Amino acid sequence: MDIKLFFAIFLSFITLNNSAVAHHSFAAEFSYELFGSREGEVVEVHFVNPHAHIFFAVKNEDGREEIWDAQSSTPQNLIRRGWSPETIEVGDKIVIEGNLGLENSNKLWIITITMEGGEVIYASGGDN
């Protein structure tokens, strides 16, 4: 076998293998049974693949601020639902409802976001 062909096949295998391992299942991070909502102020937004993230500051029961990571679908799916990169911005006061993260993690899979003015924005489910 030609050495160049061998390395091309080898590199293709490594690339495909890393891509397959990089994506995780919903159940690895979030509960199918536990739903909840958290209210806070947006501190950072990542409108990027593979999942959009909204980081927001939430006051816990002790009055201390915690940063929560709310995840959603891909930006392309959100755009189909009417979102844009400016839909949620730093400083927005929001309530996010969705699936809670496993092991009491500060994570939430977004189903809806209620803006300060009462507008409800759908990220997944409920609006089909």
C-alpha atoms as a PDB file:
ATOM      1  CA  MET A   1       0.000   0.000   0.000  1.00  0.00           C
ATOM      2  CA  ASP A   2       1.262   3.451  -0.871  1.00  0.00           C
ATOM      3  CA  ILE A   3       2.368   5.374   2.236  1.00  0.00           C
ATOM      4  CA  LYS A   4       0.401   8.488   1.196  1.00  0.00           C
ATOM      5  CA  LEU A   5      -2.775   6.464   0.808  1.00  0.00           C
ATOM      6  CA  PHE A   6      -2.214   4.846   4.199  1.00  0.00           C
ATOM      7  CA  PHE A   7      -1.837   8.240   5.928  1.00  0.00           C
ATOM      8  CA  ALA A   8      -4.867   9.657   4.096  1.00  0.00           C
ATOM      9  CA  ILE A   9      -7.018   6.766   5.312  1.00  0.00           C
ATOM     10  CA  PHE A  10      -5.538   7.015   8.806  1.00  0.00           C
ATOM     11  CA  LEU A  11      -6.218  10.769   9.063  1.00  0.00           C
ATOM     12  CA  SER A  12      -9.759  10.301   7.740  1.00  0.00           C
ATOM     13  CA  PHE A  13     -10.428   7.685  10.401  1.00  0.00           C
ATOM     14  CA  ILE A  14      -9.154   9.944  13.194  1.00  0.00           C
ATOM     15  CA  THR A  15     -11.179  12.925  11.945  1.00  0.00           C
ATOM     16  CA  LEU A  16     -14.416  10.932  11.665  1.00  0.00           C
ATOM     17  CA  ASN A  17     -13.858   9.259  15.030  1.00  0.00           C
ATOM     18  CA  ASN A  18     -13.307  12.598  16.816  1.00  0.00           C
ATOM     19  CA  SER A  19     -16.443  14.077  15.231  1.00  0.00           C
ATOM     20  CA  ALA A  20     -18.562  11.164  16.386  1.00  0.00           C
ATOM     21  CA  VAL A  21     -17.259  11.334  19.956  1.00  0.00           C
ATOM     22  CA  ALA A  22     -17.640  15.108  20.209  1.00  0.00           C
ATOM     23  CA  HIS A  23     -21.452  15.138  20.257  1.00  0.00           C
ATOM     24  CA  HIS A  24     -23.222  13.910  23.351  1.00  0.00           C
ATOM     25  CA  SER A  25     -26.754  12.824  24.059  1.00  0.00           C
ATOM     26  CA  PHE A  26     -29.391  14.961  25.773  1.00  0.00           C
ATOM     27  CA  ALA A  27     -29.672  12.376  28.561  1.00  0.00           C
ATOM     28  CA  ALA A  28     -25.979  12.736  29.385  1.00  0.00           C
ATOM     29  CA  GLU A  29     -26.593  16.255  30.731  1.00  0.00           C
ATOM     30  CA  PHE A  30     -30.335  16.840  31.222  1.00  0.00           C
ATOM     31  CA  SER A  31     -33.281  15.132  32.866  1.00  0.00           C
ATOM     32  CA  TYR A  32     -36.298  14.030  30.862  1.00  0.00           C
ATOM     33  CA  GLU A  33     -38.422  14.135  34.034  1.00  0.00           C
ATOM     34  CA  LEU A  34     -37.220  17.215  35.924  1.00  0.00           C
ATOM     35  CA  PHE A  35     -38.516  20.548  34.669  1.00  0.00           C
ATOM     36  CA  GLY A  36     -38.023  23.924  36.219  1.00  0.00           C
ATOM     37  CA  SER A  37     -37.574  27.610  35.654  1.00  0.00           C
ATOM     38  CA  ARG A  38     -34.910  30.089  36.657  1.00  0.00           C
ATOM     39  CA  GLU A  39     -35.017  33.869  36.557  1.00  0.00           C
ATOM     40  CA  GLY A  40     -32.004  36.066  36.057  1.00  0.00           C
ATOM     41  CA  GLU A  41     -30.031  38.513  33.989  1.00  0.00           C
ATOM     42  CA  VAL A  42     -28.175  37.501  30.837  1.00  0.00           C
ATOM     43  CA  VAL A  43     -24.400  37.830  31.186  1.00  0.00           C
ATOM     44  CA  GLU A  44     -23.247  36.117  27.977  1.00  0.00           C
ATOM     45  CA  VAL A  45     -24.763  34.691  24.781  1.00  0.00           C
ATOM     46  CA  HIS A  46     -23.137  32.191  22.417  1.00  0.00           C
ATOM     47  CA  PHE A  47     -25.164  31.872  19.212  1.00  0.00           C
ATOM     48  CA  VAL A  48     -22.869  29.163  17.816  1.00  0.00           C
ATOM     49  CA  ASN A  49     -22.912  25.484  16.828  1.00  0.00           C
ATOM     50  CA  PRO A  50     -23.502  22.862  17.997  1.00  0.00           C
ATOM     51  CA  HIS A  51     -25.791  24.425  20.646  1.00  0.00           C
ATOM     52  CA  ALA A  52     -26.653  28.022  21.438  1.00  0.00           C
ATOM     53  CA  HIS A  53     -25.887  28.923  25.070  1.00  0.00           C
ATOM     54  CA  ILE A  54     -27.283  31.664  27.266  1.00  0.00           C
ATOM     55  CA  PHE A  55     -25.376  32.255  30.473  1.00  0.00           C
ATOM     56  CA  PHE A  56     -27.409  34.102  33.066  1.00  0.00           C
ATOM     57  CA  ALA A  57     -26.987  35.155  36.698  1.00  0.00           C
ATOM     58  CA  VAL A  58     -29.530  33.664  39.113  1.00  0.00           C
ATOM     59  CA  LYS A  59     -29.849  34.424  42.836  1.00  0.00           C
ATOM     60  CA  ASN A  60     -29.992  31.197  44.814  1.00  0.00           C
ATOM     61  CA  GLU A  61     -31.920  30.605  48.062  1.00  0.00           C
ATOM     62  CA  ASP A  62     -29.029  32.099  50.067  1.00  0.00           C
ATOM     63  CA  GLY A  63     -29.117  35.280  47.980  1.00  0.00           C
ATOM     64  CA  ARG A  64     -25.811  34.472  46.304  1.00  0.00           C
ATOM     65  CA  GLU A  65     -25.449  34.800  42.555  1.00  0.00           C
ATOM     66  CA  GLU A  66     -24.902  31.667  40.481  1.00  0.00           C
ATOM     67  CA  ILE A  67     -24.196  31.505  36.762  1.00  0.00           C
ATOM     68  CA  TRP A  68     -26.465  29.117  34.908  1.00  0.00           C
ATOM     69  CA  ASP A  69     -25.811  27.657  31.453  1.00  0.00           C
ATOM     70  CA  ALA A  70     -29.006  27.431  29.418  1.00  0.00           C
ATOM     71  CA  GLN A  71     -28.578  25.445  26.220  1.00  0.00           C
ATOM     72  CA  SER A  72     -30.730  25.175  23.157  1.00  0.00           C
ATOM     73  CA  SER A  73     -30.784  23.820  19.667  1.00  0.00           C
ATOM     74  CA  THR A  74     -28.469  24.822  16.843  1.00  0.00           C
ATOM     75  CA  PRO A  75     -28.540  28.435  15.667  1.00  0.00           C
ATOM     76  CA  GLN A  76     -30.039  27.245  12.350  1.00  0.00           C
ATOM     77  CA  ASN A  77     -33.002  25.666  14.158  1.00  0.00           C
ATOM     78  CA  LEU A  78     -33.474  28.804  16.244  1.00  0.00           C
ATOM     79  CA  ILE A  79     -33.415  30.991  13.124  1.00  0.00           C
ATOM     80  CA  ARG A  80     -36.214  28.814  11.686  1.00  0.00           C
ATOM     81  CA  ARG A  81     -38.201  29.623  14.841  1.00  0.00           C
ATOM     82  CA  GLY A  82     -37.698  33.352  14.270  1.00  0.00           C
ATOM     83  CA  TRP A  83     -34.614  33.975  16.395  1.00  0.00           C
ATOM     84  CA  SER A  84     -31.623  36.080  15.411  1.00  0.00           C
ATOM     85  CA  PRO A  85     -28.287  36.619  17.170  1.00  0.00           C
ATOM     86  CA  GLU A  86     -29.869  39.729  18.756  1.00  0.00           C
ATOM     87  CA  THR A  87     -33.003  38.004  20.125  1.00  0.00           C
ATOM     88  CA  ILE A  88     -31.419  37.593  23.574  1.00  0.00           C
ATOM     89  CA  GLU A  89     -28.788  40.130  24.626  1.00  0.00           C
ATOM     90  CA  VAL A  90     -26.530  40.738  27.606  1.00  0.00           C
ATOM     91  CA  GLY A  91     -28.457  42.610  30.281  1.00  0.00           C
ATOM     92  CA  ASP A  92     -31.871  41.161  29.389  1.00  0.00           C
ATOM     93  CA  LYS A  93     -33.891  40.007  32.383  1.00  0.00           C
ATOM     94  CA  ILE A  94     -35.419  36.637  31.545  1.00  0.00           C
ATOM     95  CA  VAL A  95     -37.172  33.566  32.920  1.00  0.00           C
ATOM     96  CA  ILE A  96     -36.096  30.315  31.297  1.00  0.00           C
ATOM     97  CA  GLU A  97     -38.192  27.156  31.575  1.00  0.00           C
ATOM     98  CA  GLY A  98     -36.979  23.738  30.560  1.00  0.00           C
ATOM     99  CA  ASN A  99     -35.325  20.484  31.474  1.00  0.00           C
ATOM    100  CA  LEU A 100     -33.007  20.729  34.472  1.00  0.00           C
ATOM    101  CA  GLY A 101     -29.435  19.519  34.392  1.00  0.00           C
ATOM    102  CA  LEU A 102     -28.427  16.261  36.015  1.00  0.00           C
ATOM    103  CA  GLU A 103     -26.739  16.034  39.429  1.00  0.00           C
ATOM    104  CA  ASN A 104     -27.924  19.490  40.538  1.00  0.00           C
ATOM    105  CA  SER A 105     -25.789  21.165  37.886  1.00  0.00           C
ATOM    106  CA  ASN A 106     -26.541  24.774  36.984  1.00  0.00           C
ATOM    107  CA  LYS A 107     -27.761  23.755  33.535  1.00  0.00           C
ATOM    108  CA  LEU A 108     -31.083  24.070  31.800  1.00  0.00           C
ATOM    109  CA  TRP A 109     -32.279  22.885  28.392  1.00  0.00           C
ATOM    110  CA  ILE A 110     -34.397  25.752  27.096  1.00  0.00           C
ATOM    111  CA  ILE A 111     -38.021  25.164  26.164  1.00  0.00           C
ATOM    112  CA  THR A 112     -39.260  28.744  26.600  1.00  0.00           C
ATOM    113  CA  ILE A 113     -37.836  32.113  27.529  1.00  0.00           C
ATOM    114  CA  THR A 114     -40.086  34.804  28.946  1.00  0.00           C
ATOM    115  CA  MET A 115     -38.746  38.292  28.433  1.00  0.00           C
ATOM    116  CA  GLU A 116     -39.150  41.066  31.013  1.00  0.00           C
ATOM    117  CA  GLY A 117     -42.059  42.547  29.025  1.00  0.00           C
ATOM    118  CA  GLY A 118     -43.919  39.208  28.996  1.00  0.00           C
ATOM    119  CA  GLU A 119     -43.065  38.061  25.456  1.00  0.00           C
ATOM    120  CA  VAL A 120     -42.582  34.283  25.314  1.00  0.00           C
ATOM    121  CA  ILE A 121     -39.899  32.971  22.965  1.00  0.00           C
ATOM    122  CA  TYR A 122     -39.866  29.285  22.081  1.00  0.00           C
ATOM    123  CA  ALA A 123     -36.630  27.374  21.694  1.00  0.00           C
ATOM    124  CA  SER A 124     -37.955  23.824  21.531  1.00  0.00           C
ATOM    125  CA  GLY A 125     -41.280  22.112  21.963  1.00  0.00           C
ATOM    126  CA  GLY A 126     -44.638  23.670  22.612  1.00  0.00           C
ATOM    127  CA  ASP A 127     -44.842  25.751  19.460  1.00  0.00           C
ATOM    128  CA  ASN A 128     -45.124  23.205  16.655  1.00  0.00           C
END
